Amino acid sequence: MQGIGSEAELAHVLIVSLLLSSARMLGFLSIVPFIGQLLPSGLVRTGVVMALCLLLVPEVATQYQTMDLSWAHVSLLLVKEGFLGLLFAVVLGALASGISAAGYFLDFQRGANSSDAYSPLSQESTSYTSIFLLHAYVAILFVSGGFLYVLELMYKSYTLWPILEYYPRFSPRLPEIILGVLD
């Protein structure tokens, strides 16, 4: 019976670690304009998120085993991770939203807004120029390797603000670095 208990404990640790490591990426990929609407909702999006987060599970599982966290703490960490993912998506999606708005503005200025179209990418009624500019932006982002930089930024965010910590880790030299950038 000892083997069953340890297997159940291992399964518990792995499931909680997978949930914690995927919350930030799921929040990010669900609303960021350049990828969130490309993936169908549900199983495909969750599968992509789980595949991207499998790299994080061993580290999170190791840290989770050393901590004694209640379900309330795990729930708070899940909310924090989801909020961080949404925050990153809003910040990184601002350019895509601006490009879409510029296309709509161009069509409005030339009087072509009477033929609005339904954009599956943004899931709203928009103009043809807006759809074209947004699709061109997404194509350029993926072809140029920009999406790899976005993923690198997401993975580096896990080192700045680890999953199992409530506050980010700042370097003691952070004020000096910020003042150097502003100077």
N, C-alpha and C. Protein backbone atom coordinates (compact mmCIF):
# COMPACT_ATOMS: atom_id res chain seq x y z
N MET A 1 0.81 -1.21 0.00
CA MET A 1 0.00 0.00 0.00
C MET A 1 0.85 1.27 0.00
N GLN A 2 2.10 1.15 0.42
CA GLN A 2 2.96 2.32 0.44
C GLN A 2 3.20 2.85 -0.97
N GLY A 3 3.32 1.98 -1.96
CA GLY A 3 3.56 2.38 -3.34
C GLY A 3 2.40 3.19 -3.90
N ILE A 4 1.18 2.81 -3.57
CA ILE A 4 0.01 3.52 -4.09
C ILE A 4 -0.05 4.93 -3.52
N GLY A 5 0.25 5.07 -2.24
CA GLY A 5 0.24 6.40 -1.63
C GLY A 5 1.30 7.31 -2.23
N SER A 6 2.48 6.77 -2.49
CA SER A 6 3.54 7.60 -3.07
C SER A 6 3.23 7.95 -4.52
N GLU A 7 2.60 7.03 -5.26
CA GLU A 7 2.20 7.32 -6.64
C GLU A 7 1.10 8.38 -6.66
N ALA A 8 0.18 8.30 -5.73
CA ALA A 8 -0.88 9.31 -5.65
C ALA A 8 -0.29 10.67 -5.28
N GLU A 9 0.67 10.67 -4.38
CA GLU A 9 1.33 11.93 -4.00
C GLU A 9 2.10 12.51 -5.18
N LEU A 10 2.78 11.67 -5.93
CA LEU A 10 3.51 12.13 -7.11
C LEU A 10 2.55 12.69 -8.16
N ALA A 11 1.43 12.01 -8.36
CA ALA A 11 0.43 12.51 -9.32
C ALA A 11 -0.12 13.85 -8.86
N HIS A 12 -0.36 13.99 -7.56
CA HIS A 12 -0.85 15.27 -7.02
C HIS A 12 0.16 16.39 -7.27
N VAL A 13 1.41 16.12 -7.00
CA VAL A 13 2.46 17.13 -7.19
C VAL A 13 2.58 17.51 -8.66
N LEU A 14 2.55 16.53 -9.54
CA LEU A 14 2.68 16.82 -10.97
C LEU A 14 1.49 17.58 -11.53
N ILE A 15 0.29 17.23 -11.09
CA ILE A 15 -0.91 17.93 -11.58
C ILE A 15 -0.93 19.37 -11.09
N VAL A 16 -0.63 19.58 -9.81
CA VAL A 16 -0.61 20.95 -9.29
C VAL A 16 0.53 21.75 -9.95
N SER A 17 1.66 21.12 -10.17
CA SER A 17 2.77 21.82 -10.83
C SER A 17 2.41 22.19 -12.26
N LEU A 18 1.73 21.30 -12.97
CA LEU A 18 1.31 21.60 -14.34
C LEU A 18 0.28 22.72 -14.36
N LEU A 19 -0.65 22.70 -13.42
CA LEU A 19 -1.64 23.78 -13.34
C LEU A 19 -0.98 25.12 -13.04
N LEU A 20 -0.07 25.13 -12.08
CA LEU A 20 0.60 26.38 -11.72
C LEU A 20 1.48 26.90 -12.84
N SER A 21 2.16 26.01 -13.54
CA SER A 21 3.06 26.47 -14.59
C SER A 21 2.31 26.88 -15.86
N SER A 22 1.10 26.43 -16.05
CA SER A 22 0.36 26.76 -17.26
C SER A 22 -0.57 27.95 -17.11
N ALA A 23 -0.81 28.43 -15.92
CA ALA A 23 -1.78 29.52 -15.72
C ALA A 23 -1.33 30.81 -16.39
N ARG A 24 -0.07 31.18 -16.27
CA ARG A 24 0.43 32.42 -16.87
C ARG A 24 0.37 32.35 -18.40
N MET A 25 0.82 31.22 -18.94
CA MET A 25 0.84 31.07 -20.39
C MET A 25 -0.58 30.99 -20.95
N LEU A 26 -1.50 30.36 -20.23
CA LEU A 26 -2.89 30.27 -20.69
C LEU A 26 -3.54 31.64 -20.69
N GLY A 27 -3.30 32.43 -19.65
CA GLY A 27 -3.82 33.80 -19.64
C GLY A 27 -3.24 34.63 -20.76
N PHE A 28 -1.97 34.42 -21.06
CA PHE A 28 -1.32 35.17 -22.13
C PHE A 28 -1.85 34.77 -23.50
N LEU A 29 -1.86 33.47 -23.78
CA LEU A 29 -2.23 33.02 -25.12
C LEU A 29 -3.73 33.10 -25.40
N SER A 30 -4.55 33.29 -24.37
CA SER A 30 -5.98 33.34 -24.65
C SER A 30 -6.43 34.70 -25.14
N ILE A 31 -5.74 35.78 -24.80
CA ILE A 31 -6.23 37.08 -25.27
C ILE A 31 -5.25 37.88 -26.10
N VAL A 32 -3.99 37.46 -26.22
CA VAL A 32 -3.06 38.24 -27.03
C VAL A 32 -3.55 38.21 -28.48
N PRO A 33 -3.65 39.37 -29.13
CA PRO A 33 -4.30 39.41 -30.45
C PRO A 33 -3.58 38.62 -31.53
N PHE A 34 -2.27 38.48 -31.45
CA PHE A 34 -1.57 37.84 -32.55
C PHE A 34 -1.54 36.33 -32.46
N ILE A 35 -2.05 35.73 -31.40
CA ILE A 35 -2.11 34.27 -31.34
C ILE A 35 -3.41 33.79 -30.71
N GLY A 36 -4.00 34.57 -29.85
CA GLY A 36 -5.18 34.13 -29.11
C GLY A 36 -6.35 33.76 -29.98
N GLN A 37 -6.58 34.49 -31.06
CA GLN A 37 -7.71 34.20 -31.91
C GLN A 37 -7.34 33.24 -33.04
N LEU A 38 -6.06 32.95 -33.24
CA LEU A 38 -5.67 31.99 -34.26
C LEU A 38 -5.97 30.56 -33.83
N LEU A 39 -5.82 30.30 -32.55
CA LEU A 39 -6.08 28.96 -32.04
C LEU A 39 -7.54 28.84 -31.65
N PRO A 40 -8.19 27.76 -32.05
CA PRO A 40 -9.57 27.58 -31.60
C PRO A 40 -9.59 27.41 -30.09
N SER A 41 -10.65 27.86 -29.49
CA SER A 41 -10.72 27.76 -28.03
C SER A 41 -10.93 26.30 -27.62
N GLY A 42 -10.57 26.01 -26.43
CA GLY A 42 -10.80 24.69 -25.89
C GLY A 42 -9.58 23.80 -25.92
N LEU A 43 -9.75 22.63 -26.46
CA LEU A 43 -8.75 21.58 -26.36
C LEU A 43 -7.45 21.92 -27.07
N VAL A 44 -7.52 22.53 -28.25
CA VAL A 44 -6.30 22.83 -29.01
C VAL A 44 -5.47 23.88 -28.28
N ARG A 45 -6.10 24.95 -27.81
CA ARG A 45 -5.38 26.00 -27.09
C ARG A 45 -4.76 25.45 -25.81
N THR A 46 -5.52 24.64 -25.09
CA THR A 46 -5.00 24.07 -23.86
C THR A 46 -3.83 23.13 -24.14
N GLY A 47 -3.92 22.38 -25.22
CA GLY A 47 -2.82 21.50 -25.60
C GLY A 47 -1.55 22.26 -25.94
N VAL A 48 -1.70 23.38 -26.66
CA VAL A 48 -0.53 24.20 -27.00
C VAL A 48 0.08 24.78 -25.72
N VAL A 49 -0.76 25.26 -24.82
CA VAL A 49 -0.26 25.82 -23.56
C VAL A 49 0.45 24.76 -22.74
N MET A 50 -0.13 23.58 -22.65
CA MET A 50 0.51 22.51 -21.87
C MET A 50 1.84 22.11 -22.49
N ALA A 51 1.91 22.09 -23.82
CA ALA A 51 3.17 21.74 -24.48
C ALA A 51 4.23 22.80 -24.20
N LEU A 52 3.84 24.07 -24.19
CA LEU A 52 4.81 25.14 -23.91
C LEU A 52 5.25 25.16 -22.46
N CYS A 53 4.42 24.63 -21.57
CA CYS A 53 4.72 24.70 -20.14
C CYS A 53 5.34 23.42 -19.57
N LEU A 54 5.47 22.39 -20.39
CA LEU A 54 6.07 21.15 -19.89
C LEU A 54 7.51 21.34 -19.43
N LEU A 55 8.20 22.32 -20.00
CA LEU A 55 9.57 22.59 -19.59
C LEU A 55 9.66 23.10 -18.16
N LEU A 56 8.60 23.71 -17.68
CA LEU A 56 8.62 24.32 -16.35
C LEU A 56 8.21 23.36 -15.24
N VAL A 57 7.53 22.28 -15.60
CA VAL A 57 6.95 21.39 -14.59
C VAL A 57 7.99 20.77 -13.66
N PRO A 58 9.13 20.25 -14.12
CA PRO A 58 10.09 19.66 -13.16
C PRO A 58 10.59 20.65 -12.10
N GLU A 59 10.88 21.88 -12.51
CA GLU A 59 11.36 22.88 -11.55
C GLU A 59 10.26 23.24 -10.55
N VAL A 60 9.05 23.44 -11.04
CA VAL A 60 7.95 23.79 -10.15
C VAL A 60 7.63 22.63 -9.22
N ALA A 61 7.68 21.40 -9.73
CA ALA A 61 7.40 20.23 -8.89
C ALA A 61 8.44 20.09 -7.78
N THR A 62 9.70 20.36 -8.11
CA THR A 62 10.75 20.29 -7.08
C THR A 62 10.53 21.32 -5.99
N GLN A 63 10.19 22.53 -6.40
CA GLN A 63 9.93 23.59 -5.41
C GLN A 63 8.65 23.32 -4.63
N TYR A 64 7.62 22.80 -5.30
CA TYR A 64 6.34 22.55 -4.65
C TYR A 64 6.45 21.47 -3.59
N GLN A 65 7.30 20.46 -3.82
CA GLN A 65 7.46 19.39 -2.84
C GLN A 65 8.10 19.88 -1.56
N THR A 66 8.96 20.91 -1.66
CA THR A 66 9.63 21.41 -0.46
C THR A 66 8.74 22.36 0.33
N MET A 67 7.67 22.86 -0.28
CA MET A 67 6.79 23.80 0.39
C MET A 67 5.54 23.09 0.89
N ASP A 68 4.96 23.64 1.91
CA ASP A 68 3.71 23.10 2.43
C ASP A 68 2.61 24.14 2.14
N LEU A 69 2.02 24.03 0.95
CA LEU A 69 1.02 25.00 0.53
C LEU A 69 -0.38 24.42 0.64
N SER A 70 -1.29 25.21 1.19
CA SER A 70 -2.69 24.78 1.25
C SER A 70 -3.36 25.07 -0.09
N TRP A 71 -4.59 24.60 -0.23
CA TRP A 71 -5.31 24.86 -1.47
C TRP A 71 -5.62 26.34 -1.64
N ALA A 72 -5.75 27.05 -0.53
CA ALA A 72 -5.98 28.50 -0.63
C ALA A 72 -4.75 29.19 -1.22
N HIS A 73 -3.57 28.79 -0.80
CA HIS A 73 -2.35 29.37 -1.34
C HIS A 73 -2.18 29.02 -2.82
N VAL A 74 -2.49 27.77 -3.16
CA VAL A 74 -2.40 27.36 -4.57
C VAL A 74 -3.40 28.16 -5.41
N SER A 75 -4.60 28.38 -4.88
CA SER A 75 -5.60 29.17 -5.61
C SER A 75 -5.14 30.61 -5.80
N LEU A 76 -4.56 31.20 -4.76
CA LEU A 76 -4.04 32.56 -4.90
C LEU A 76 -2.90 32.63 -5.91
N LEU A 77 -2.05 31.62 -5.91
CA LEU A 77 -0.96 31.58 -6.89
C LEU A 77 -1.50 31.43 -8.31
N LEU A 78 -2.56 30.63 -8.49
CA LEU A 78 -3.19 30.49 -9.80
C LEU A 78 -3.78 31.81 -10.28
N VAL A 79 -4.42 32.54 -9.38
CA VAL A 79 -4.99 33.84 -9.75
C VAL A 79 -3.88 34.82 -10.11
N LYS A 80 -2.80 34.80 -9.32
CA LYS A 80 -1.66 35.68 -9.61
C LYS A 80 -1.06 35.36 -10.97
N GLU A 81 -0.87 34.10 -11.26
CA GLU A 81 -0.28 33.69 -12.54
C GLU A 81 -1.19 34.05 -13.71
N GLY A 82 -2.48 33.82 -13.56
CA GLY A 82 -3.41 34.19 -14.62
C GLY A 82 -3.43 35.68 -14.85
N PHE A 83 -3.41 36.46 -13.79
CA PHE A 83 -3.38 37.91 -13.92
C PHE A 83 -2.10 38.39 -14.61
N LEU A 84 -0.97 37.78 -14.27
CA LEU A 84 0.29 38.15 -14.93
C LEU A 84 0.24 37.84 -16.43
N GLY A 85 -0.33 36.70 -16.78
CA GLY A 85 -0.47 36.35 -18.19
C GLY A 85 -1.35 37.34 -18.93
N LEU A 86 -2.46 37.74 -18.31
CA LEU A 86 -3.34 38.73 -18.92
C LEU A 86 -2.64 40.08 -19.04
N LEU A 87 -1.86 40.45 -18.05
CA LEU A 87 -1.13 41.71 -18.09
C LEU A 87 -0.11 41.72 -19.23
N PHE A 88 0.64 40.63 -19.38
CA PHE A 88 1.60 40.53 -20.49
C PHE A 88 0.88 40.58 -21.83
N ALA A 89 -0.28 39.95 -21.92
CA ALA A 89 -1.03 39.94 -23.18
C ALA A 89 -1.51 41.33 -23.55
N VAL A 90 -1.95 42.08 -22.57
CA VAL A 90 -2.42 43.45 -22.85
C VAL A 90 -1.26 44.32 -23.30
N VAL A 91 -0.14 44.21 -22.63
CA VAL A 91 1.02 45.04 -22.99
C VAL A 91 1.55 44.66 -24.37
N LEU A 92 1.73 43.36 -24.62
CA LEU A 92 2.29 42.93 -25.90
C LEU A 92 1.27 42.98 -27.03
N GLY A 93 0.00 43.00 -26.71
CA GLY A 93 -1.03 43.07 -27.74
C GLY A 93 -1.42 44.47 -28.13
N ALA A 94 -0.85 45.46 -27.48
CA ALA A 94 -1.21 46.85 -27.79
C ALA A 94 -0.81 47.21 -29.21
N LEU A 95 0.32 46.73 -29.68
CA LEU A 95 0.75 47.04 -31.04
C LEU A 95 -0.21 46.44 -32.07
N ALA A 96 -0.62 45.19 -31.86
CA ALA A 96 -1.56 44.56 -32.79
C ALA A 96 -2.90 45.28 -32.79
N SER A 97 -3.35 45.71 -31.64
CA SER A 97 -4.61 46.46 -31.58
C SER A 97 -4.47 47.81 -32.26
N GLY A 98 -3.31 48.44 -32.12
CA GLY A 98 -3.07 49.71 -32.81
C GLY A 98 -3.04 49.55 -34.32
N ILE A 99 -2.45 48.47 -34.79
CA ILE A 99 -2.41 48.20 -36.23
C ILE A 99 -3.82 47.96 -36.76
N SER A 100 -4.61 47.21 -36.02
CA SER A 100 -5.99 46.97 -36.42
C SER A 100 -6.79 48.26 -36.44
N ALA A 101 -6.60 49.09 -35.45
CA ALA A 101 -7.31 50.38 -35.40
C ALA A 101 -6.87 51.29 -36.54
N ALA A 102 -5.59 51.23 -36.91
CA ALA A 102 -5.11 52.05 -38.03
C ALA A 102 -5.76 51.61 -39.34
N GLY A 103 -5.94 50.32 -39.54
CA GLY A 103 -6.61 49.84 -40.74
C GLY A 103 -8.07 50.27 -40.78
N TYR A 104 -8.72 50.20 -39.64
CA TYR A 104 -10.12 50.65 -39.58
C TYR A 104 -10.20 52.15 -39.85
N PHE A 105 -9.27 52.91 -39.30
CA PHE A 105 -9.24 54.36 -39.52
C PHE A 105 -8.99 54.69 -40.99
N LEU A 106 -8.09 53.96 -41.64
CA LEU A 106 -7.83 54.18 -43.06
C LEU A 106 -9.08 53.93 -43.90
N ASP A 107 -9.79 52.85 -43.61
CA ASP A 107 -11.02 52.58 -44.35
C ASP A 107 -12.10 53.61 -44.05
N PHE A 108 -12.14 54.08 -42.82
CA PHE A 108 -13.12 55.10 -42.47
C PHE A 108 -12.84 56.41 -43.21
N GLN A 109 -11.56 56.77 -43.32
CA GLN A 109 -11.19 58.01 -43.99
C GLN A 109 -11.45 57.98 -45.49
N ARG A 110 -11.34 56.82 -46.10
CA ARG A 110 -11.60 56.76 -47.54
C ARG A 110 -13.03 56.38 -47.85
N GLY A 111 -13.87 56.24 -46.84
CA GLY A 111 -15.29 56.00 -47.04
C GLY A 111 -15.64 54.57 -47.35
N ALA A 112 -14.80 53.63 -46.98
CA ALA A 112 -15.05 52.23 -47.28
C ALA A 112 -15.55 51.46 -46.06
N ASN A 113 -16.07 52.16 -45.10
CA ASN A 113 -16.51 51.47 -43.89
C ASN A 113 -17.93 50.94 -44.01
N SER A 114 -18.59 51.17 -45.13
CA SER A 114 -19.95 50.64 -45.28
C SER A 114 -19.93 49.13 -45.53
N SER A 115 -18.79 48.61 -45.93
CA SER A 115 -18.69 47.17 -46.17
C SER A 115 -17.83 46.52 -45.09
N ASP A 116 -18.30 46.60 -43.86
CA ASP A 116 -17.56 45.97 -42.77
C ASP A 116 -17.55 44.46 -42.95
N ALA A 117 -16.51 43.85 -42.45
CA ALA A 117 -16.36 42.41 -42.54
C ALA A 117 -16.21 41.83 -41.14
N TYR A 118 -16.48 40.55 -41.02
CA TYR A 118 -16.28 39.86 -39.75
C TYR A 118 -14.89 39.24 -39.77
N SER A 119 -14.06 39.65 -38.82
CA SER A 119 -12.70 39.15 -38.75
C SER A 119 -12.63 37.96 -37.80
N PRO A 120 -12.27 36.79 -38.29
CA PRO A 120 -12.11 35.66 -37.37
C PRO A 120 -10.92 35.82 -36.45
N LEU A 121 -9.94 36.65 -36.84
CA LEU A 121 -8.76 36.85 -36.02
C LEU A 121 -9.08 37.67 -34.78
N SER A 122 -9.83 38.76 -34.96
CA SER A 122 -10.17 39.60 -33.81
C SER A 122 -11.57 39.34 -33.29
N GLN A 123 -12.35 38.51 -33.98
CA GLN A 123 -13.70 38.12 -33.60
C GLN A 123 -14.61 39.33 -33.40
N GLU A 124 -14.54 40.25 -34.33
CA GLU A 124 -15.39 41.43 -34.28
C GLU A 124 -15.60 41.95 -35.68
N SER A 125 -16.56 42.85 -35.82
CA SER A 125 -16.79 43.47 -37.11
C SER A 125 -15.72 44.53 -37.35
N THR A 126 -15.06 44.43 -38.47
CA THR A 126 -13.95 45.33 -38.75
C THR A 126 -13.89 45.58 -40.25
N SER A 127 -12.90 46.32 -40.68
CA SER A 127 -12.79 46.65 -42.10
C SER A 127 -11.79 45.71 -42.78
N TYR A 128 -11.83 45.73 -44.11
CA TYR A 128 -10.94 44.84 -44.86
C TYR A 128 -9.47 45.25 -44.71
N THR A 129 -9.20 46.53 -44.66
CA THR A 129 -7.82 46.98 -44.48
C THR A 129 -7.31 46.59 -43.09
N SER A 130 -8.17 46.67 -42.11
CA SER A 130 -7.80 46.28 -40.76
C SER A 130 -7.45 44.79 -40.71
N ILE A 131 -8.27 43.97 -41.36
CA ILE A 131 -8.00 42.53 -41.41
C ILE A 131 -6.67 42.28 -42.11
N PHE A 132 -6.47 42.96 -43.24
CA PHE A 132 -5.23 42.77 -44.00
C PHE A 132 -4.00 43.17 -43.18
N LEU A 133 -4.05 44.34 -42.54
CA LEU A 133 -2.90 44.79 -41.76
C LEU A 133 -2.62 43.88 -40.58
N LEU A 134 -3.67 43.41 -39.92
CA LEU A 134 -3.47 42.53 -38.77
C LEU A 134 -2.90 41.18 -39.20
N HIS A 135 -3.39 40.63 -40.31
CA HIS A 135 -2.85 39.37 -40.81
C HIS A 135 -1.41 39.55 -41.28
N ALA A 136 -1.11 40.68 -41.90
CA ALA A 136 0.27 40.95 -42.33
C ALA A 136 1.19 41.06 -41.12
N TYR A 137 0.72 41.72 -40.06
CA TYR A 137 1.52 41.84 -38.84
C TYR A 137 1.79 40.47 -38.23
N VAL A 138 0.77 39.63 -38.17
CA VAL A 138 0.94 38.29 -37.59
C VAL A 138 1.91 37.47 -38.45
N ALA A 139 1.77 37.57 -39.77
CA ALA A 139 2.68 36.83 -40.66
C ALA A 139 4.12 37.31 -40.48
N ILE A 140 4.32 38.61 -40.43
CA ILE A 140 5.68 39.14 -40.24
C ILE A 140 6.23 38.74 -38.88
N LEU A 141 5.37 38.74 -37.86
CA LEU A 141 5.81 38.35 -36.52
C LEU A 141 6.31 36.91 -36.50
N PHE A 142 5.59 36.02 -37.14
CA PHE A 142 6.00 34.62 -37.13
C PHE A 142 7.16 34.33 -38.07
N VAL A 143 7.16 34.96 -39.25
CA VAL A 143 8.22 34.69 -40.23
C VAL A 143 9.56 35.26 -39.76
N SER A 144 9.53 36.42 -39.15
CA SER A 144 10.78 37.06 -38.72
C SER A 144 11.34 36.48 -37.42
N GLY A 145 10.60 35.60 -36.77
CA GLY A 145 11.07 35.03 -35.51
C GLY A 145 10.69 35.86 -34.30
N GLY A 146 9.82 36.83 -34.49
CA GLY A 146 9.40 37.67 -33.38
C GLY A 146 8.64 36.91 -32.32
N PHE A 147 7.91 35.87 -32.74
CA PHE A 147 7.17 35.09 -31.75
C PHE A 147 8.12 34.34 -30.83
N LEU A 148 9.28 33.96 -31.33
CA LEU A 148 10.27 33.31 -30.47
C LEU A 148 10.77 34.28 -29.39
N TYR A 149 10.90 35.55 -29.75
CA TYR A 149 11.28 36.55 -28.75
C TYR A 149 10.17 36.75 -27.72
N VAL A 150 8.93 36.67 -28.18
CA VAL A 150 7.80 36.78 -27.25
C VAL A 150 7.81 35.60 -26.28
N LEU A 151 8.05 34.39 -26.80
CA LEU A 151 8.14 33.23 -25.92
C LEU A 151 9.33 33.34 -24.97
N GLU A 152 10.45 33.85 -25.46
CA GLU A 152 11.62 34.05 -24.60
C GLU A 152 11.29 35.03 -23.48
N LEU A 153 10.57 36.08 -23.81
CA LEU A 153 10.16 37.04 -22.80
C LEU A 153 9.25 36.38 -21.76
N MET A 154 8.35 35.54 -22.22
CA MET A 154 7.46 34.85 -21.27
C MET A 154 8.26 33.90 -20.38
N TYR A 155 9.19 33.15 -20.95
CA TYR A 155 9.98 32.24 -20.14
C TYR A 155 10.89 32.98 -19.17
N LYS A 156 11.44 34.13 -19.58
CA LYS A 156 12.28 34.90 -18.68
C LYS A 156 11.45 35.55 -17.57
N SER A 157 10.17 35.76 -17.81
CA SER A 157 9.33 36.32 -16.76
C SER A 157 9.20 35.35 -15.59
N TYR A 158 9.37 34.05 -15.86
CA TYR A 158 9.31 33.07 -14.78
C TYR A 158 10.53 33.17 -13.86
N THR A 159 11.65 33.69 -14.36
CA THR A 159 12.80 33.87 -13.49
C THR A 159 12.69 35.16 -12.69
N LEU A 160 12.10 36.19 -13.30
CA LEU A 160 11.92 37.45 -12.57
C LEU A 160 10.86 37.31 -11.49
N TRP A 161 9.76 36.65 -11.83
CA TRP A 161 8.68 36.46 -10.87
C TRP A 161 8.35 34.97 -10.85
N PRO A 162 9.02 34.19 -9.99
CA PRO A 162 8.79 32.74 -9.95
C PRO A 162 7.34 32.39 -9.62
N ILE A 163 6.96 31.21 -10.03
CA ILE A 163 5.57 30.79 -9.90
C ILE A 163 5.14 30.68 -8.45
N LEU A 164 5.98 30.14 -7.61
CA LEU A 164 5.59 29.87 -6.22
C LEU A 164 5.90 31.02 -5.26
N GLU A 165 6.18 32.20 -5.80
CA GLU A 165 6.43 33.36 -4.95
C GLU A 165 5.39 34.43 -5.23
N TYR A 166 5.02 35.14 -4.18
CA TYR A 166 3.99 36.17 -4.32
C TYR A 166 4.54 37.49 -4.85
N TYR A 167 5.82 37.72 -4.65
CA TYR A 167 6.43 38.98 -5.07
C TYR A 167 7.58 38.70 -6.03
N PRO A 168 7.85 39.62 -6.95
CA PRO A 168 8.95 39.39 -7.89
C PRO A 168 10.31 39.53 -7.21
N ARG A 169 11.32 38.93 -7.82
CA ARG A 169 12.70 39.05 -7.35
C ARG A 169 13.37 40.18 -8.11
N PHE A 170 13.75 41.21 -7.40
CA PHE A 170 14.46 42.31 -8.03
C PHE A 170 15.91 42.27 -7.59
N SER A 171 16.76 42.61 -8.52
CA SER A 171 18.18 42.68 -8.22
C SER A 171 18.43 43.89 -7.33
N PRO A 172 19.41 43.82 -6.45
CA PRO A 172 19.74 45.00 -5.64
C PRO A 172 20.22 46.17 -6.50
N ARG A 173 20.67 45.88 -7.71
CA ARG A 173 21.16 46.92 -8.60
C ARG A 173 20.04 47.51 -9.46
N LEU A 174 18.79 47.13 -9.25
CA LEU A 174 17.69 47.59 -10.09
C LEU A 174 17.56 49.11 -10.15
N PRO A 175 17.62 49.83 -9.03
CA PRO A 175 17.54 51.30 -9.14
C PRO A 175 18.68 51.89 -9.97
N GLU A 176 19.87 51.33 -9.82
CA GLU A 176 21.02 51.81 -10.60
C GLU A 176 20.80 51.54 -12.10
N ILE A 177 20.25 50.39 -12.45
CA ILE A 177 20.00 50.05 -13.85
C ILE A 177 18.92 50.96 -14.43
N ILE A 178 17.86 51.20 -13.68
CA ILE A 178 16.78 52.07 -14.16
C ILE A 178 17.29 53.49 -14.33
N LEU A 179 18.06 54.00 -13.38
CA LEU A 179 18.60 55.34 -13.51
C LEU A 179 19.58 55.43 -14.67
N GLY A 180 20.31 54.34 -14.93
CA GLY A 180 21.22 54.33 -16.09
C GLY A 180 20.48 54.39 -17.39
N VAL A 181 19.32 53.73 -17.46
CA VAL A 181 18.51 53.78 -18.68
C VAL A 181 17.89 55.15 -18.85
N LEU A 182 17.44 55.74 -17.76
CA LEU A 182 16.79 57.05 -17.83
C LEU A 182 17.76 58.20 -18.01
N ASP A 183 19.03 57.96 -17.71
CA ASP A 183 20.02 59.04 -17.79
C ASP A 183 20.42 59.36 -19.19
